[in-house]
Amino acid sequence: MHPRQLYQASLLPKATDPGVKEGQLVSIPFTAGTFGIIYANKTMLTAAGLDPTKPPTTWEQLISWITATHAKNAQTGGITLGLNVSSTGLDWALEPLAYAYLGKSAYQALFGKGRHGGVGQPQRPQGAEPLQRADPAVDARQPGPRHRRRPTVAFAQGKSAFDIGGTFTLSSIQQDGMDP
C-alpha cells in the first residue's frame, strides 16, 4: 500500500492500523525469531557416547560432538544447514560465530555498515578466524541433507544428528515428525 493510502486508511473508523502519521516510516521485521539455534538428536548423541544432558559450551566442543556423531554413523551423524538460500550460512552460522570469537568491535569492523569485500578478503584478516573455526564442521556435514531444500525435514527424520536453524525451526521439527 502506498504511504499516502496507508495514512488515509488509518483515519477511517475501525481502522486496522490507526494512528499512522503522515510521512511516518513503517518497517517490517526481517524475521520473527532468532537465528543460530543448534538442535541435536539425543538418541544419536547417546549412541556416539555423548551425554545429551551436558551439552557443549564451546565451539571446539560442538565440533567434537558433530565429529563424534559423524564418526559413529557417516550416513546419519553430522550436521545439516539449509544452504538453498546463500545468506543462510552467513546469517545462521558464520555471523554468530564471528561475534563470539571476535567480540563486538572486531565484529562490527568486519560486518559493519560501509564495509566492502567478503570476510575472506586479504585486507580483512580478522575474518579468517571464524572461517577457520567453521572449517571442521564442513568435514562432518551431511552430504545430502545439507543441500536439500528443507534440511530440517532430514533432521526430524533422523538423517542427521544436528541441525542449525532458529527459534522458528522448533515447530517445523515437530510438524515433520520429531518429538522435541
C-alpha atoms as a PDB file:
ATOM      1  CA  MET A   1       0.000   0.000   0.000  1.00  0.00           C
ATOM      2  CA  HIS A   2       1.290   3.453  -0.864  1.00  0.00           C
ATOM      3  CA  PRO A   3       2.212   5.555   2.227  1.00  0.00           C
ATOM      4  CA  ARG A   4      -0.491   8.121   1.433  1.00  0.00           C
ATOM      5  CA  GLN A   5      -3.110   5.340   1.173  1.00  0.00           C
ATOM      6  CA  LEU A   6      -1.886   3.849   4.457  1.00  0.00           C
ATOM      7  CA  TYR A   7      -2.300   7.222   6.141  1.00  0.00           C
ATOM      8  CA  GLN A   8      -5.807   7.727   4.695  1.00  0.00           C
ATOM      9  CA  ALA A   9      -6.849   4.205   5.737  1.00  0.00           C
ATOM     10  CA  SER A  10      -5.668   4.887   9.291  1.00  0.00           C
ATOM     11  CA  LEU A  11      -8.140   7.784   9.586  1.00  0.00           C
ATOM     12  CA  LEU A  12     -11.189   5.604   8.904  1.00  0.00           C
ATOM     13  CA  PRO A  13     -13.415   4.405  11.754  1.00  0.00           C
ATOM     14  CA  LYS A  14     -12.357   0.925  12.888  1.00  0.00           C
ATOM     15  CA  ALA A  15      -9.040   1.202  11.018  1.00  0.00           C
ATOM     16  CA  THR A  16      -6.858  -1.876  11.491  1.00  0.00           C
ATOM     17  CA  ASP A  17      -3.796   0.330  11.947  1.00  0.00           C
ATOM     18  CA  PRO A  18      -4.979   3.622  13.439  1.00  0.00           C
ATOM     19  CA  GLY A  19      -2.621   6.414  14.402  1.00  0.00           C
ATOM     20  CA  VAL A  20      -0.360   6.406  11.345  1.00  0.00           C
ATOM     21  CA  LYS A  21       1.280   9.796  10.944  1.00  0.00           C
ATOM     22  CA  GLU A  22       1.709  11.343   7.532  1.00  0.00           C
ATOM     23  CA  GLY A  23       5.307  10.822   6.384  1.00  0.00           C
ATOM     24  CA  GLN A  24       5.912   8.146   9.049  1.00  0.00           C
ATOM     25  CA  LEU A  25       8.329   5.372   8.133  1.00  0.00           C
ATOM     26  CA  VAL A  26       6.996   1.858   8.614  1.00  0.00           C
ATOM     27  CA  SER A  27       9.153  -1.250   8.713  1.00  0.00           C
ATOM     28  CA  ILE A  28       8.611  -4.973   8.785  1.00  0.00           C
ATOM     29  CA  PRO A  29      10.834  -7.205  10.935  1.00  0.00           C
ATOM     30  CA  PHE A  30      13.331  -9.309   8.990  1.00  0.00           C
ATOM     31  CA  THR A  31      12.185 -12.384  10.881  1.00  0.00           C
ATOM     32  CA  ALA A  32      10.139 -13.307  13.892  1.00  0.00           C
ATOM     33  CA  GLY A  33      12.666 -15.307  15.834  1.00  0.00           C
ATOM     34  CA  THR A  34      16.336 -15.898  16.411  1.00  0.00           C
ATOM     35  CA  PHE A  35      18.898 -17.464  14.065  1.00  0.00           C
ATOM     36  CA  GLY A  36      21.698 -19.803  15.007  1.00  0.00           C
ATOM     37  CA  ILE A  37      19.864 -22.246  17.262  1.00  0.00           C
ATOM     38  CA  ILE A  38      21.552 -25.663  17.134  1.00  0.00           C
ATOM     39  CA  TYR A  39      19.266 -28.647  17.554  1.00  0.00           C
ATOM     40  CA  ALA A  40      20.577 -32.122  18.397  1.00  0.00           C
ATOM     41  CA  ASN A  41      19.154 -35.639  18.297  1.00  0.00           C
ATOM     42  CA  LYS A  42      19.545 -37.069  21.824  1.00  0.00           C
ATOM     43  CA  THR A  43      19.380 -40.669  20.631  1.00  0.00           C
ATOM     44  CA  MET A  44      22.243 -40.113  18.194  1.00  0.00           C
ATOM     45  CA  LEU A  45      24.280 -38.277  20.814  1.00  0.00           C
ATOM     46  CA  THR A  46      23.927 -41.182  23.235  1.00  0.00           C
ATOM     47  CA  ALA A  47      24.811 -43.698  20.511  1.00  0.00           C
ATOM     48  CA  ALA A  48      28.014 -41.729  19.872  1.00  0.00           C
ATOM     49  CA  GLY A  49      28.927 -41.908  23.571  1.00  0.00           C
ATOM     50  CA  LEU A  50      27.949 -38.297  24.339  1.00  0.00           C
ATOM     51  CA  ASP A  51      25.878 -37.136  27.300  1.00  0.00           C
ATOM     52  CA  PRO A  52      22.964 -35.022  25.995  1.00  0.00           C
ATOM     53  CA  THR A  53      22.328 -33.645  29.489  1.00  0.00           C
ATOM     54  CA  LYS A  54      25.721 -31.891  29.373  1.00  0.00           C
ATOM     55  CA  PRO A  55      25.755 -30.052  26.023  1.00  0.00           C
ATOM     56  CA  PRO A  56      28.906 -28.469  24.622  1.00  0.00           C
ATOM     57  CA  THR A  57      29.710 -24.971  25.826  1.00  0.00           C
ATOM     58  CA  THR A  58      32.388 -24.008  23.297  1.00  0.00           C
ATOM     59  CA  TRP A  59      32.694 -24.159  19.537  1.00  0.00           C
ATOM     60  CA  GLU A  60      35.510 -26.703  19.837  1.00  0.00           C
ATOM     61  CA  GLN A  61      33.325 -28.982  21.964  1.00  0.00           C
ATOM     62  CA  LEU A  62      30.461 -28.660  19.484  1.00  0.00           C
ATOM     63  CA  ILE A  63      32.784 -29.587  16.611  1.00  0.00           C
ATOM     64  CA  SER A  64      33.970 -32.630  18.576  1.00  0.00           C
ATOM     65  CA  TRP A  65      30.343 -33.694  19.135  1.00  0.00           C
ATOM     66  CA  ILE A  66      29.477 -33.241  15.455  1.00  0.00           C
ATOM     67  CA  THR A  67      32.584 -35.207  14.519  1.00  0.00           C
ATOM     68  CA  ALA A  68      31.730 -37.956  17.032  1.00  0.00           C
ATOM     69  CA  THR A  69      28.219 -38.452  15.620  1.00  0.00           C
ATOM     70  CA  HIS A  70      29.599 -38.453  12.093  1.00  0.00           C
ATOM     71  CA  ALA A  71      32.286 -40.996  13.060  1.00  0.00           C
ATOM     72  CA  LYS A  72      29.626 -43.220  14.667  1.00  0.00           C
ATOM     73  CA  ASN A  73      27.492 -43.163  11.518  1.00  0.00           C
ATOM     74  CA  ALA A  74      28.609 -41.206   8.452  1.00  0.00           C
ATOM     75  CA  GLN A  75      25.134 -41.571   6.901  1.00  0.00           C
ATOM     76  CA  THR A  76      23.126 -40.118   9.793  1.00  0.00           C
ATOM     77  CA  GLY A  77      25.661 -38.367  12.016  1.00  0.00           C
ATOM     78  CA  GLY A  78      26.905 -34.868  11.344  1.00  0.00           C
ATOM     79  CA  ILE A  79      25.082 -31.622  10.763  1.00  0.00           C
ATOM     80  CA  THR A  80      22.578 -30.073   8.355  1.00  0.00           C
ATOM     81  CA  LEU A  81      22.182 -26.431   7.439  1.00  0.00           C
ATOM     82  CA  GLY A  82      19.892 -25.001   4.785  1.00  0.00           C
ATOM     83  CA  LEU A  83      22.108 -23.562   2.085  1.00  0.00           C
ATOM     84  CA  ASN A  84      19.462 -23.230  -0.621  1.00  0.00           C
ATOM     85  CA  VAL A  85      19.495 -19.506   0.160  1.00  0.00           C
ATOM     86  CA  SER A  86      23.094 -18.306   0.111  1.00  0.00           C
ATOM     87  CA  SER A  87      22.773 -15.980   3.107  1.00  0.00           C
ATOM     88  CA  THR A  88      21.650 -18.774   5.459  1.00  0.00           C
ATOM     89  CA  GLY A  89      25.172 -19.976   6.249  1.00  0.00           C
ATOM     90  CA  LEU A  90      26.266 -16.399   6.876  1.00  0.00           C
ATOM     91  CA  ASP A  91      23.237 -15.362   8.960  1.00  0.00           C
ATOM     92  CA  TRP A  92      22.757 -18.559  10.941  1.00  0.00           C
ATOM     93  CA  ALA A  93      26.307 -19.791  11.459  1.00  0.00           C
ATOM     94  CA  LEU A  94      29.192 -17.539  10.413  1.00  0.00           C
ATOM     95  CA  GLU A  95      27.958 -14.228  11.853  1.00  0.00           C
ATOM     96  CA  PRO A  96      27.151 -15.655  15.333  1.00  0.00           C
ATOM     97  CA  LEU A  97      30.484 -17.483  15.333  1.00  0.00           C
ATOM     98  CA  ALA A  98      32.323 -14.322  14.256  1.00  0.00           C
ATOM     99  CA  TYR A  99      30.680 -12.291  17.028  1.00  0.00           C
ATOM    100  CA  ALA A 100      31.542 -14.927  19.635  1.00  0.00           C
ATOM    101  CA  TYR A 101      35.209 -15.134  18.680  1.00  0.00           C
ATOM    102  CA  LEU A 102      35.969 -11.618  17.511  1.00  0.00           C
ATOM    103  CA  GLY A 103      33.986  -9.592  20.030  1.00  0.00           C
ATOM    104  CA  LYS A 104      31.738  -6.627  19.339  1.00  0.00           C
ATOM    105  CA  SER A 105      34.317  -4.162  17.966  1.00  0.00           C
ATOM    106  CA  ALA A 106      36.070  -6.543  15.575  1.00  0.00           C
ATOM    107  CA  TYR A 107      32.712  -7.990  14.502  1.00  0.00           C
ATOM    108  CA  GLN A 108      31.419  -4.508  13.692  1.00  0.00           C
ATOM    109  CA  ALA A 109      34.642  -3.741  11.819  1.00  0.00           C
ATOM    110  CA  LEU A 110      34.143  -6.899   9.789  1.00  0.00           C
ATOM    111  CA  PHE A 111      30.409  -6.691   9.041  1.00  0.00           C
ATOM    112  CA  GLY A 112      29.610  -3.052   9.791  1.00  0.00           C
ATOM    113  CA  LYS A 113      27.911  -0.549   7.532  1.00  0.00           C
ATOM    114  CA  GLY A 114      30.020   0.663   4.638  1.00  0.00           C
ATOM    115  CA  ARG A 115      32.366  -2.347   4.650  1.00  0.00           C
ATOM    116  CA  HIS A 116      33.337  -3.787   1.287  1.00  0.00           C
ATOM    117  CA  GLY A 117      34.580  -7.212   0.310  1.00  0.00           C
ATOM    118  CA  GLY A 118      33.972 -10.526   1.988  1.00  0.00           C
ATOM    119  CA  VAL A 119      35.277 -11.864   5.276  1.00  0.00           C
ATOM    120  CA  GLY A 120      37.888 -13.851   3.363  1.00  0.00           C
ATOM    121  CA  GLN A 121      39.454 -10.808   1.700  1.00  0.00           C
ATOM    122  CA  PRO A 122      43.193 -10.351   2.445  1.00  0.00           C
ATOM    123  CA  GLN A 123      42.617  -6.813   3.727  1.00  0.00           C
ATOM    124  CA  ARG A 124      40.242  -8.216   6.360  1.00  0.00           C
ATOM    125  CA  PRO A 125      42.322 -10.852   8.186  1.00  0.00           C
ATOM    126  CA  GLN A 126      40.073 -10.740  11.252  1.00  0.00           C
ATOM    127  CA  GLY A 127      37.506 -12.668   9.191  1.00  0.00           C
ATOM    128  CA  ALA A 128      39.809 -15.652   8.823  1.00  0.00           C
ATOM    129  CA  GLU A 129      39.406 -16.954  12.389  1.00  0.00           C
ATOM    130  CA  PRO A 130      35.639 -17.646  12.194  1.00  0.00           C
ATOM    131  CA  LEU A 131      36.123 -19.248   8.778  1.00  0.00           C
ATOM    132  CA  GLN A 132      38.907 -21.474  10.134  1.00  0.00           C
ATOM    133  CA  ARG A 133      36.784 -22.406  13.144  1.00  0.00           C
ATOM    134  CA  ALA A 134      33.844 -23.289  10.882  1.00  0.00           C
ATOM    135  CA  ASP A 135      36.025 -25.470   8.637  1.00  0.00           C
ATOM    136  CA  PRO A 136      35.926 -28.662  10.782  1.00  0.00           C
ATOM    137  CA  ALA A 137      32.121 -28.635  10.687  1.00  0.00           C
ATOM    138  CA  VAL A 138      32.282 -28.822   6.899  1.00  0.00           C
ATOM    139  CA  ASP A 139      34.094 -32.156   7.186  1.00  0.00           C
ATOM    140  CA  ALA A 140      31.230 -33.574   9.281  1.00  0.00           C
ATOM    141  CA  ARG A 141      28.360 -32.250   7.193  1.00  0.00           C
ATOM    142  CA  GLN A 142      25.714 -34.435   5.714  1.00  0.00           C
ATOM    143  CA  PRO A 143      26.403 -34.888   2.000  1.00  0.00           C
ATOM    144  CA  GLY A 144      22.736 -34.996   1.005  1.00  0.00           C
ATOM    145  CA  PRO A 145      20.559 -33.195   3.553  1.00  0.00           C
ATOM    146  CA  ARG A 146      22.673 -30.045   3.666  1.00  0.00           C
ATOM    147  CA  HIS A 147      21.781 -29.368   0.038  1.00  0.00           C
ATOM    148  CA  ARG A 148      18.122 -30.278   0.344  1.00  0.00           C
ATOM    149  CA  ARG A 149      15.523 -27.603   0.287  1.00  0.00           C
ATOM    150  CA  ARG A 150      14.442 -28.461   3.831  1.00  0.00           C
ATOM    151  CA  PRO A 151      17.318 -29.838   5.911  1.00  0.00           C
ATOM    152  CA  THR A 152      15.093 -29.621   8.993  1.00  0.00           C
ATOM    153  CA  VAL A 153      12.973 -32.415   7.496  1.00  0.00           C
ATOM    154  CA  ALA A 154      16.109 -34.556   7.201  1.00  0.00           C
ATOM    155  CA  PHE A 155      16.960 -33.802  10.834  1.00  0.00           C
ATOM    156  CA  ALA A 156      13.414 -34.572  12.027  1.00  0.00           C
ATOM    157  CA  GLN A 157      13.526 -37.871  10.129  1.00  0.00           C
ATOM    158  CA  GLY A 158      16.754 -38.898  11.883  1.00  0.00           C
ATOM    159  CA  LYS A 159      19.026 -38.326   8.890  1.00  0.00           C
ATOM    160  CA  SER A 160      21.399 -36.008  10.764  1.00  0.00           C
ATOM    161  CA  ALA A 161      22.430 -35.591  14.380  1.00  0.00           C
ATOM    162  CA  PHE A 162      22.452 -31.767  14.368  1.00  0.00           C
ATOM    163  CA  ASP A 163      20.554 -29.021  12.582  1.00  0.00           C
ATOM    164  CA  ILE A 164      21.208 -25.285  12.614  1.00  0.00           C
ATOM    165  CA  GLY A 165      18.023 -23.283  12.460  1.00  0.00           C
ATOM    166  CA  GLY A 166      16.232 -20.763  14.586  1.00  0.00           C
ATOM    167  CA  THR A 167      13.542 -20.436  17.193  1.00  0.00           C
ATOM    168  CA  PHE A 168      11.062 -20.873  14.332  1.00  0.00           C
ATOM    169  CA  THR A 169      12.599 -24.277  13.464  1.00  0.00           C
ATOM    170  CA  LEU A 170      11.096 -25.975  16.512  1.00  0.00           C
ATOM    171  CA  SER A 171       7.585 -26.026  15.034  1.00  0.00           C
ATOM    172  CA  SER A 172       8.946 -27.492  11.780  1.00  0.00           C
ATOM    173  CA  ILE A 173      10.786 -30.234  13.624  1.00  0.00           C
ATOM    174  CA  GLN A 174       7.622 -31.154  15.447  1.00  0.00           C
ATOM    175  CA  GLN A 175       5.470 -30.936  12.307  1.00  0.00           C
ATOM    176  CA  ASP A 176       7.942 -33.151  10.445  1.00  0.00           C
ATOM    177  CA  GLY A 177       7.570 -35.930  12.974  1.00  0.00           C
ATOM    178  CA  MET A 178      10.193 -35.472  15.709  1.00  0.00           C
ATOM    179  CA  ASP A 179       9.204 -35.193  19.346  1.00  0.00           C
ATOM    180  CA  PRO A 180      11.179 -32.169  20.558  1.00  0.00           C
END
